[in-house]
Amino acid sequence: MAAGQLDSAIAALEVLVPGKGGWLGGGRMLQPDITLAVALGYIRLRRPFTGNLPPHPKLARLSNDAEALPEFVKALPTVQEIG
């Protein structure tokens, strides 16, 4: 995926995220939230090769909230696992 396509996809996802906190499905985290948070983490990891991410405060908030949960912290791969 080219950087322009990725930027467009991120912009489209940003619109879907609630602005005042919470998850995509409302009050509790569901599979789409987990998938999105993991995908954003991977994009941030690999993005140095394609340039800076466009501004996405709602996505950043959702991702940060998810990554702060004990389940995410326990599942964080090591540098060796990432490769």
PDB file of N, CA and C in Angstrom:
ATOM      1  N   MET A   1       0.850  -1.171   0.000  1.00  0.00           N
ATOM      2  CA  MET A   1       0.000   0.000   0.000  1.00  0.00           C
ATOM      3  C   MET A   1       0.896   1.233   0.000  1.00  0.00           C
ATOM      4  N   ALA A   2       0.649   2.128  -0.910  1.00  0.00           N
ATOM      5  CA  ALA A   2       1.426   3.361  -0.997  1.00  0.00           C
ATOM      6  C   ALA A   2       1.060   4.291   0.150  1.00  0.00           C
ATOM      7  N   ALA A   3       1.973   5.202   0.467  1.00  0.00           N
ATOM      8  CA  ALA A   3       1.755   6.120   1.587  1.00  0.00           C
ATOM      9  C   ALA A   3       0.466   6.921   1.426  1.00  0.00           C
ATOM     10  N   GLY A   4       0.169   7.361   0.216  1.00  0.00           N
ATOM     11  CA  GLY A   4      -1.061   8.123  -0.022  1.00  0.00           C
ATOM     12  C   GLY A   4      -2.309   7.306   0.261  1.00  0.00           C
ATOM     13  N   GLN A   5      -2.293   6.031  -0.118  1.00  0.00           N
ATOM     14  CA  GLN A   5      -3.424   5.153   0.171  1.00  0.00           C
ATOM     15  C   GLN A   5      -3.577   4.947   1.665  1.00  0.00           C
ATOM     16  N   LEU A   6      -2.470   4.767   2.354  1.00  0.00           N
ATOM     17  CA  LEU A   6      -2.510   4.571   3.793  1.00  0.00           C
ATOM     18  C   LEU A   6      -3.030   5.824   4.493  1.00  0.00           C
ATOM     19  N   ASP A   7      -2.579   6.984   4.064  1.00  0.00           N
ATOM     20  CA  ASP A   7      -3.069   8.241   4.643  1.00  0.00           C
ATOM     21  C   ASP A   7      -4.569   8.384   4.446  1.00  0.00           C
ATOM     22  N   SER A   8      -5.059   8.014   3.270  1.00  0.00           N
ATOM     23  CA  SER A   8      -6.502   8.091   2.992  1.00  0.00           C
ATOM     24  C   SER A   8      -7.285   7.121   3.868  1.00  0.00           C
ATOM     25  N   ALA A   9      -6.746   5.926   4.049  1.00  0.00           N
ATOM     26  CA  ALA A   9      -7.414   4.930   4.899  1.00  0.00           C
ATOM     27  C   ALA A   9      -7.458   5.401   6.344  1.00  0.00           C
ATOM     28  N   ILE A  10      -6.370   5.976   6.828  1.00  0.00           N
ATOM     29  CA  ILE A  10      -6.327   6.489   8.195  1.00  0.00           C
ATOM     30  C   ILE A  10      -7.340   7.621   8.365  1.00  0.00           C
ATOM     31  N   ALA A  11      -7.433   8.502   7.395  1.00  0.00           N
ATOM     32  CA  ALA A  11      -8.400   9.601   7.461  1.00  0.00           C
ATOM     33  C   ALA A  11      -9.831   9.068   7.496  1.00  0.00           C
ATOM     34  N   ALA A  12     -10.112   8.032   6.706  1.00  0.00           N
ATOM     35  CA  ALA A  12     -11.454   7.439   6.696  1.00  0.00           C
ATOM     36  C   ALA A  12     -11.775   6.778   8.033  1.00  0.00           C
ATOM     37  N   LEU A  13     -10.805   6.120   8.638  1.00  0.00           N
ATOM     38  CA  LEU A  13     -11.016   5.486   9.943  1.00  0.00           C
ATOM     39  C   LEU A  13     -11.187   6.520  11.046  1.00  0.00           C
ATOM     40  N   GLU A  14     -10.463   7.618  10.961  1.00  0.00           N
ATOM     41  CA  GLU A  14     -10.547   8.675  11.973  1.00  0.00           C
ATOM     42  C   GLU A  14     -11.988   9.145  12.154  1.00  0.00           C
ATOM     43  N   VAL A  15     -12.719   9.224  11.061  1.00  0.00           N
ATOM     44  CA  VAL A  15     -14.106   9.692  11.095  1.00  0.00           C
ATOM     45  C   VAL A  15     -14.998   8.736  11.894  1.00  0.00           C
ATOM     46  N   LEU A  16     -14.657   7.469  11.929  1.00  0.00           N
ATOM     47  CA  LEU A  16     -15.489   6.456  12.585  1.00  0.00           C
ATOM     48  C   LEU A  16     -15.306   6.381  14.096  1.00  0.00           C
ATOM     49  N   VAL A  17     -14.219   6.939  14.607  1.00  0.00           N
ATOM     50  CA  VAL A  17     -13.898   6.810  16.026  1.00  0.00           C
ATOM     51  C   VAL A  17     -14.656   7.872  16.820  1.00  0.00           C
ATOM     52  N   PRO A  18     -15.292   7.475  17.938  1.00  0.00           N
ATOM     53  CA  PRO A  18     -15.996   8.460  18.765  1.00  0.00           C
ATOM     54  C   PRO A  18     -15.045   9.546  19.262  1.00  0.00           C
ATOM     55  N   GLY A  19     -15.518  10.770  19.281  1.00  0.00           N
ATOM     56  CA  GLY A  19     -14.674  11.899  19.656  1.00  0.00           C
ATOM     57  C   GLY A  19     -14.470  12.077  21.148  1.00  0.00           C
ATOM     58  N   LYS A  20     -15.362  11.587  21.960  1.00  0.00           N
ATOM     59  CA  LYS A  20     -15.297  11.835  23.407  1.00  0.00           C
ATOM     60  C   LYS A  20     -14.839  10.612  24.186  1.00  0.00           C
ATOM     61  N   GLY A  21     -14.095   9.757  23.583  1.00  0.00           N
ATOM     62  CA  GLY A  21     -13.644   8.548  24.267  1.00  0.00           C
ATOM     63  C   GLY A  21     -14.570   7.389  23.963  1.00  0.00           C
ATOM     64  N   GLY A  22     -14.262   6.265  24.538  1.00  0.00           N
ATOM     65  CA  GLY A  22     -15.057   5.084  24.256  1.00  0.00           C
ATOM     66  C   GLY A  22     -14.503   4.314  23.077  1.00  0.00           C
ATOM     67  N   TRP A  23     -15.247   3.327  22.701  1.00  0.00           N
ATOM     68  CA  TRP A  23     -14.817   2.400  21.662  1.00  0.00           C
ATOM     69  C   TRP A  23     -15.723   2.498  20.453  1.00  0.00           C
ATOM     70  N   LEU A  24     -15.332   1.851  19.374  1.00  0.00           N
ATOM     71  CA  LEU A  24     -16.114   1.910  18.139  1.00  0.00           C
ATOM     72  C   LEU A  24     -17.546   1.410  18.353  1.00  0.00           C
ATOM     73  N   GLY A  25     -17.698   0.385  19.186  1.00  0.00           N
ATOM     74  CA  GLY A  25     -19.014  -0.188  19.427  1.00  0.00           C
ATOM     75  C   GLY A  25     -19.749   0.442  20.591  1.00  0.00           C
ATOM     76  N   GLY A  26     -19.202   1.489  21.174  1.00  0.00           N
ATOM     77  CA  GLY A  26     -19.857   2.125  22.308  1.00  0.00           C
ATOM     78  C   GLY A  26     -19.047   2.008  23.577  1.00  0.00           C
ATOM     79  N   GLY A  27     -19.672   1.486  24.623  1.00  0.00           N
ATOM     80  CA  GLY A  27     -19.080   1.504  25.943  1.00  0.00           C
ATOM     81  C   GLY A  27     -18.067   0.426  26.245  1.00  0.00           C
ATOM     82  N   ARG A  28     -17.985  -0.602  25.414  1.00  0.00           N
ATOM     83  CA  ARG A  28     -17.007  -1.649  25.720  1.00  0.00           C
ATOM     84  C   ARG A  28     -16.192  -2.005  24.478  1.00  0.00           C
ATOM     85  N   MET A  29     -14.979  -2.452  24.727  1.00  0.00           N
ATOM     86  CA  MET A  29     -14.087  -2.826  23.637  1.00  0.00           C
ATOM     87  C   MET A  29     -14.589  -4.097  22.964  1.00  0.00           C
ATOM     88  N   LEU A  30     -14.598  -4.061  21.642  1.00  0.00           N
ATOM     89  CA  LEU A  30     -14.983  -5.224  20.847  1.00  0.00           C
ATOM     90  C   LEU A  30     -13.872  -5.529  19.846  1.00  0.00           C
ATOM     91  N   GLN A  31     -14.041  -6.584  19.075  1.00  0.00           N
ATOM     92  CA  GLN A  31     -13.016  -7.016  18.123  1.00  0.00           C
ATOM     93  C   GLN A  31     -12.566  -5.908  17.165  1.00  0.00           C
ATOM     94  N   PRO A  32     -13.466  -5.073  16.629  1.00  0.00           N
ATOM     95  CA  PRO A  32     -12.980  -4.012  15.742  1.00  0.00           C
ATOM     96  C   PRO A  32     -12.000  -3.055  16.420  1.00  0.00           C
ATOM     97  N   ASP A  33     -12.205  -2.777  17.705  1.00  0.00           N
ATOM     98  CA  ASP A  33     -11.288  -1.908  18.440  1.00  0.00           C
ATOM     99  C   ASP A  33      -9.917  -2.560  18.580  1.00  0.00           C
ATOM    100  N   ILE A  34      -9.920  -3.837  18.900  1.00  0.00           N
ATOM    101  CA  ILE A  34      -8.663  -4.582  19.056  1.00  0.00           C
ATOM    102  C   ILE A  34      -7.910  -4.618  17.732  1.00  0.00           C
ATOM    103  N   THR A  35      -8.631  -4.955  16.672  1.00  0.00           N
ATOM    104  CA  THR A  35      -8.009  -5.039  15.346  1.00  0.00           C
ATOM    105  C   THR A  35      -7.427  -3.694  14.932  1.00  0.00           C
ATOM    106  N   LEU A  36      -8.185  -2.630  15.152  1.00  0.00           N
ATOM    107  CA  LEU A  36      -7.721  -1.296  14.775  1.00  0.00           C
ATOM    108  C   LEU A  36      -6.504  -0.884  15.597  1.00  0.00           C
ATOM    109  N   ALA A  37      -6.534  -1.139  16.902  1.00  0.00           N
ATOM    110  CA  ALA A  37      -5.402  -0.773  17.751  1.00  0.00           C
ATOM    111  C   ALA A  37      -4.141  -1.526  17.352  1.00  0.00           C
ATOM    112  N   VAL A  38      -4.276  -2.806  17.072  1.00  0.00           N
ATOM    113  CA  VAL A  38      -3.114  -3.605  16.660  1.00  0.00           C
ATOM    114  C   VAL A  38      -2.596  -3.119  15.304  1.00  0.00           C
ATOM    115  N   ALA A  39      -3.503  -2.841  14.372  1.00  0.00           N
ATOM    116  CA  ALA A  39      -3.087  -2.359  13.052  1.00  0.00           C
ATOM    117  C   ALA A  39      -2.361  -1.021  13.164  1.00  0.00           C
ATOM    118  N   LEU A  40      -2.874  -0.131  13.992  1.00  0.00           N
ATOM    119  CA  LEU A  40      -2.216   1.170  14.162  1.00  0.00           C
ATOM    120  C   LEU A  40      -0.842   1.028  14.793  1.00  0.00           C
ATOM    121  N   GLY A  41      -0.713   0.114  15.751  1.00  0.00           N
ATOM    122  CA  GLY A  41       0.595  -0.139  16.340  1.00  0.00           C
ATOM    123  C   GLY A  41       1.588  -0.618  15.292  1.00  0.00           C
ATOM    124  N   TYR A  42       1.136  -1.503  14.420  1.00  0.00           N
ATOM    125  CA  TYR A  42       2.006  -2.011  13.356  1.00  0.00           C
ATOM    126  C   TYR A  42       2.370  -0.890  12.374  1.00  0.00           C
ATOM    127  N   ILE A  43       1.388  -0.069  12.030  1.00  0.00           N
ATOM    128  CA  ILE A  43       1.652   1.042  11.108  1.00  0.00           C
ATOM    129  C   ILE A  43       2.684   1.994  11.716  1.00  0.00           C
ATOM    130  N   ARG A  44       2.530   2.307  13.002  1.00  0.00           N
ATOM    131  CA  ARG A  44       3.507   3.192  13.659  1.00  0.00           C
ATOM    132  C   ARG A  44       4.893   2.566  13.657  1.00  0.00           C
ATOM    133  N   LEU A  45       4.946   1.268  13.835  1.00  0.00           N
ATOM    134  CA  LEU A  45       6.224   0.561  13.843  1.00  0.00           C
ATOM    135  C   LEU A  45       6.903   0.651  12.477  1.00  0.00           C
ATOM    136  N   ARG A  46       6.135   0.477  11.428  1.00  0.00           N
ATOM    137  CA  ARG A  46       6.692   0.431  10.072  1.00  0.00           C
ATOM    138  C   ARG A  46       6.685   1.772   9.359  1.00  0.00           C
ATOM    139  N   ARG A  47       5.981   2.752   9.875  1.00  0.00           N
ATOM    140  CA  ARG A  47       5.806   4.026   9.184  1.00  0.00           C
ATOM    141  C   ARG A  47       7.100   4.803   8.938  1.00  0.00           C
ATOM    142  N   PRO A  48       8.126   4.671   9.749  1.00  0.00           N
ATOM    143  CA  PRO A  48       9.351   5.425   9.437  1.00  0.00           C
ATOM    144  C   PRO A  48       9.847   5.202   8.013  1.00  0.00           C
ATOM    145  N   PHE A  49       9.450   4.090   7.409  1.00  0.00           N
ATOM    146  CA  PHE A  49       9.906   3.801   6.045  1.00  0.00           C
ATOM    147  C   PHE A  49       9.095   4.547   4.991  1.00  0.00           C
ATOM    148  N   THR A  50       7.923   5.091   5.379  1.00  0.00           N
ATOM    149  CA  THR A  50       7.066   5.757   4.398  1.00  0.00           C
ATOM    150  C   THR A  50       6.753   7.204   4.761  1.00  0.00           C
ATOM    151  N   GLY A  51       7.231   7.690   5.886  1.00  0.00           N
ATOM    152  CA  GLY A  51       7.000   9.077   6.268  1.00  0.00           C
ATOM    153  C   GLY A  51       6.098   9.191   7.488  1.00  0.00           C
ATOM    154  N   ASN A  52       5.858  10.431   7.895  1.00  0.00           N
ATOM    155  CA  ASN A  52       5.057  10.687   9.085  1.00  0.00           C
ATOM    156  C   ASN A  52       3.584  10.368   8.868  1.00  0.00           C
ATOM    157  N   LEU A  53       2.927   9.954   9.941  1.00  0.00           N
ATOM    158  CA  LEU A  53       1.487   9.736   9.888  1.00  0.00           C
ATOM    159  C   LEU A  53       0.766  11.073   9.823  1.00  0.00           C
ATOM    160  N   PRO A  54      -0.368  11.120   9.124  1.00  0.00           N
ATOM    161  CA  PRO A  54      -1.173  12.337   9.158  1.00  0.00           C
ATOM    162  C   PRO A  54      -1.797  12.482  10.553  1.00  0.00           C
ATOM    163  N   PRO A  55      -2.238  13.674  10.924  1.00  0.00           N
ATOM    164  CA  PRO A  55      -2.873  13.855  12.228  1.00  0.00           C
ATOM    165  C   PRO A  55      -4.122  12.958  12.349  1.00  0.00           C
ATOM    166  N   HIS A  56      -4.234  12.284  13.463  1.00  0.00           N
ATOM    167  CA  HIS A  56      -5.385  11.408  13.702  1.00  0.00           C
ATOM    168  C   HIS A  56      -5.616  11.280  15.205  1.00  0.00           C
ATOM    169  N   PRO A  57      -6.047  12.368  15.843  1.00  0.00           N
ATOM    170  CA  PRO A  57      -6.140  12.365  17.309  1.00  0.00           C
ATOM    171  C   PRO A  57      -7.113  11.333  17.873  1.00  0.00           C
ATOM    172  N   LYS A  58      -8.218  11.091  17.198  1.00  0.00           N
ATOM    173  CA  LYS A  58      -9.174  10.110  17.733  1.00  0.00           C
ATOM    174  C   LYS A  58      -8.636   8.691  17.617  1.00  0.00           C
ATOM    175  N   LEU A  59      -7.999   8.385  16.504  1.00  0.00           N
ATOM    176  CA  LEU A  59      -7.374   7.062  16.352  1.00  0.00           C
ATOM    177  C   LEU A  59      -6.234   6.890  17.348  1.00  0.00           C
ATOM    178  N   ALA A  60      -5.455   7.939  17.525  1.00  0.00           N
ATOM    179  CA  ALA A  60      -4.345   7.873  18.483  1.00  0.00           C
ATOM    180  C   ALA A  60      -4.876   7.622  19.888  1.00  0.00           C
ATOM    181  N   ARG A  61      -5.961   8.282  20.254  1.00  0.00           N
ATOM    182  CA  ARG A  61      -6.551   8.091  21.574  1.00  0.00           C
ATOM    183  C   ARG A  61      -7.054   6.669  21.736  1.00  0.00           C
ATOM    184  N   LEU A  62      -7.770   6.136  20.749  1.00  0.00           N
ATOM    185  CA  LEU A  62      -8.275   4.763  20.819  1.00  0.00           C
ATOM    186  C   LEU A  62      -7.113   3.779  20.943  1.00  0.00           C
ATOM    187  N   SER A  63      -6.102   3.959  20.131  1.00  0.00           N
ATOM    188  CA  SER A  63      -4.950   3.072  20.153  1.00  0.00           C
ATOM    189  C   SER A  63      -4.216   3.154  21.494  1.00  0.00           C
ATOM    190  N   ASN A  64      -3.999   4.355  21.985  1.00  0.00           N
ATOM    191  CA  ASN A  64      -3.311   4.531  23.272  1.00  0.00           C
ATOM    192  C   ASN A  64      -4.110   3.927  24.419  1.00  0.00           C
ATOM    193  N   ASP A  65      -5.432   4.115  24.400  1.00  0.00           N
ATOM    194  CA  ASP A  65      -6.286   3.532  25.440  1.00  0.00           C
ATOM    195  C   ASP A  65      -6.192   2.011  25.428  1.00  0.00           C
ATOM    196  N   ALA A  66      -6.229   1.435  24.234  1.00  0.00           N
ATOM    197  CA  ALA A  66      -6.144  -0.025  24.118  1.00  0.00           C
ATOM    198  C   ALA A  66      -4.772  -0.522  24.571  1.00  0.00           C
ATOM    199  N   GLU A  67      -3.729   0.123  24.096  1.00  0.00           N
ATOM    200  CA  GLU A  67      -2.368  -0.325  24.402  1.00  0.00           C
ATOM    201  C   GLU A  67      -2.005  -0.160  25.877  1.00  0.00           C
ATOM    202  N   ALA A  68      -2.781   0.626  26.619  1.00  0.00           N
ATOM    203  CA  ALA A  68      -2.535   0.789  28.053  1.00  0.00           C
ATOM    204  C   ALA A  68      -3.191  -0.317  28.874  1.00  0.00           C
ATOM    205  N   LEU A  69      -4.078  -1.092  28.271  1.00  0.00           N
ATOM    206  CA  LEU A  69      -4.754  -2.172  28.990  1.00  0.00           C
ATOM    207  C   LEU A  69      -3.769  -3.297  29.311  1.00  0.00           C
ATOM    208  N   PRO A  70      -3.922  -3.925  30.476  1.00  0.00           N
ATOM    209  CA  PRO A  70      -2.997  -4.999  30.869  1.00  0.00           C
ATOM    210  C   PRO A  70      -2.884  -6.113  29.821  1.00  0.00           C
ATOM    211  N   GLU A  71      -3.980  -6.425  29.153  1.00  0.00           N
ATOM    212  CA  GLU A  71      -3.955  -7.490  28.139  1.00  0.00           C
ATOM    213  C   GLU A  71      -3.053  -7.120  26.962  1.00  0.00           C
ATOM    214  N   PHE A  72      -3.067  -5.857  26.578  1.00  0.00           N
ATOM    215  CA  PHE A  72      -2.203  -5.412  25.493  1.00  0.00           C
ATOM    216  C   PHE A  72      -0.748  -5.381  25.947  1.00  0.00           C
ATOM    217  N   VAL A  73      -0.513  -4.891  27.155  1.00  0.00           N
ATOM    218  CA  VAL A  73       0.848  -4.820  27.684  1.00  0.00           C
ATOM    219  C   VAL A  73       1.472  -6.213  27.744  1.00  0.00           C
ATOM    220  N   LYS A  74       0.701  -7.196  28.207  1.00  0.00           N
ATOM    221  CA  LYS A  74       1.208  -8.570  28.302  1.00  0.00           C
ATOM    222  C   LYS A  74       1.503  -9.174  26.932  1.00  0.00           C
ATOM    223  N   ALA A  75       0.769  -8.740  25.915  1.00  0.00           N
ATOM    224  CA  ALA A  75       0.917  -9.309  24.581  1.00  0.00           C
ATOM    225  C   ALA A  75       1.917  -8.567  23.700  1.00  0.00           C
ATOM    226  N   LEU A  76       2.507  -7.500  24.217  1.00  0.00           N
ATOM    227  CA  LEU A  76       3.457  -6.705  23.412  1.00  0.00           C
ATOM    228  C   LEU A  76       4.649  -7.568  23.022  1.00  0.00           C
ATOM    229  N   PRO A  77       4.915  -7.680  21.720  1.00  0.00           N
ATOM    230  CA  PRO A  77       6.046  -8.512  21.295  1.00  0.00           C
ATOM    231  C   PRO A  77       7.386  -7.859  21.629  1.00  0.00           C
ATOM    232  N   THR A  78       8.383  -8.690  21.764  1.00  0.00           N
ATOM    233  CA  THR A  78       9.743  -8.196  21.976  1.00  0.00           C
ATOM    234  C   THR A  78      10.333  -7.734  20.643  1.00  0.00           C
ATOM    235  N   VAL A  79      11.423  -7.023  20.697  1.00  0.00           N
ATOM    236  CA  VAL A  79      12.103  -6.569  19.478  1.00  0.00           C
ATOM    237  C   VAL A  79      12.505  -7.785  18.638  1.00  0.00           C
ATOM    238  N   GLN A  80      12.944  -8.848  19.279  1.00  0.00           N
ATOM    239  CA  GLN A  80      13.351 -10.065  18.560  1.00  0.00           C
ATOM    240  C   GLN A  80      12.158 -10.697  17.842  1.00  0.00           C
ATOM    241  N   GLU A  81      11.003 -10.667  18.461  1.00  0.00           N
ATOM    242  CA  GLU A  81       9.815 -11.246  17.833  1.00  0.00           C
ATOM    243  C   GLU A  81       9.347 -10.425  16.641  1.00  0.00           C
ATOM    244  N   ILE A  82       9.543  -9.119  16.718  1.00  0.00           N
ATOM    245  CA  ILE A  82       9.104  -8.243  15.630  1.00  0.00           C
ATOM    246  C   ILE A  82       9.996  -8.402  14.414  1.00  0.00           C
ATOM    247  N   GLY A  83      11.289  -8.509  14.662  1.00  0.00           N
ATOM    248  CA  GLY A  83      12.242  -8.718  13.577  1.00  0.00           C
ATOM    249  C   GLY A  83      12.683  -7.506  12.866  1.00  0.00           C
TER     250      GLY A  83
END
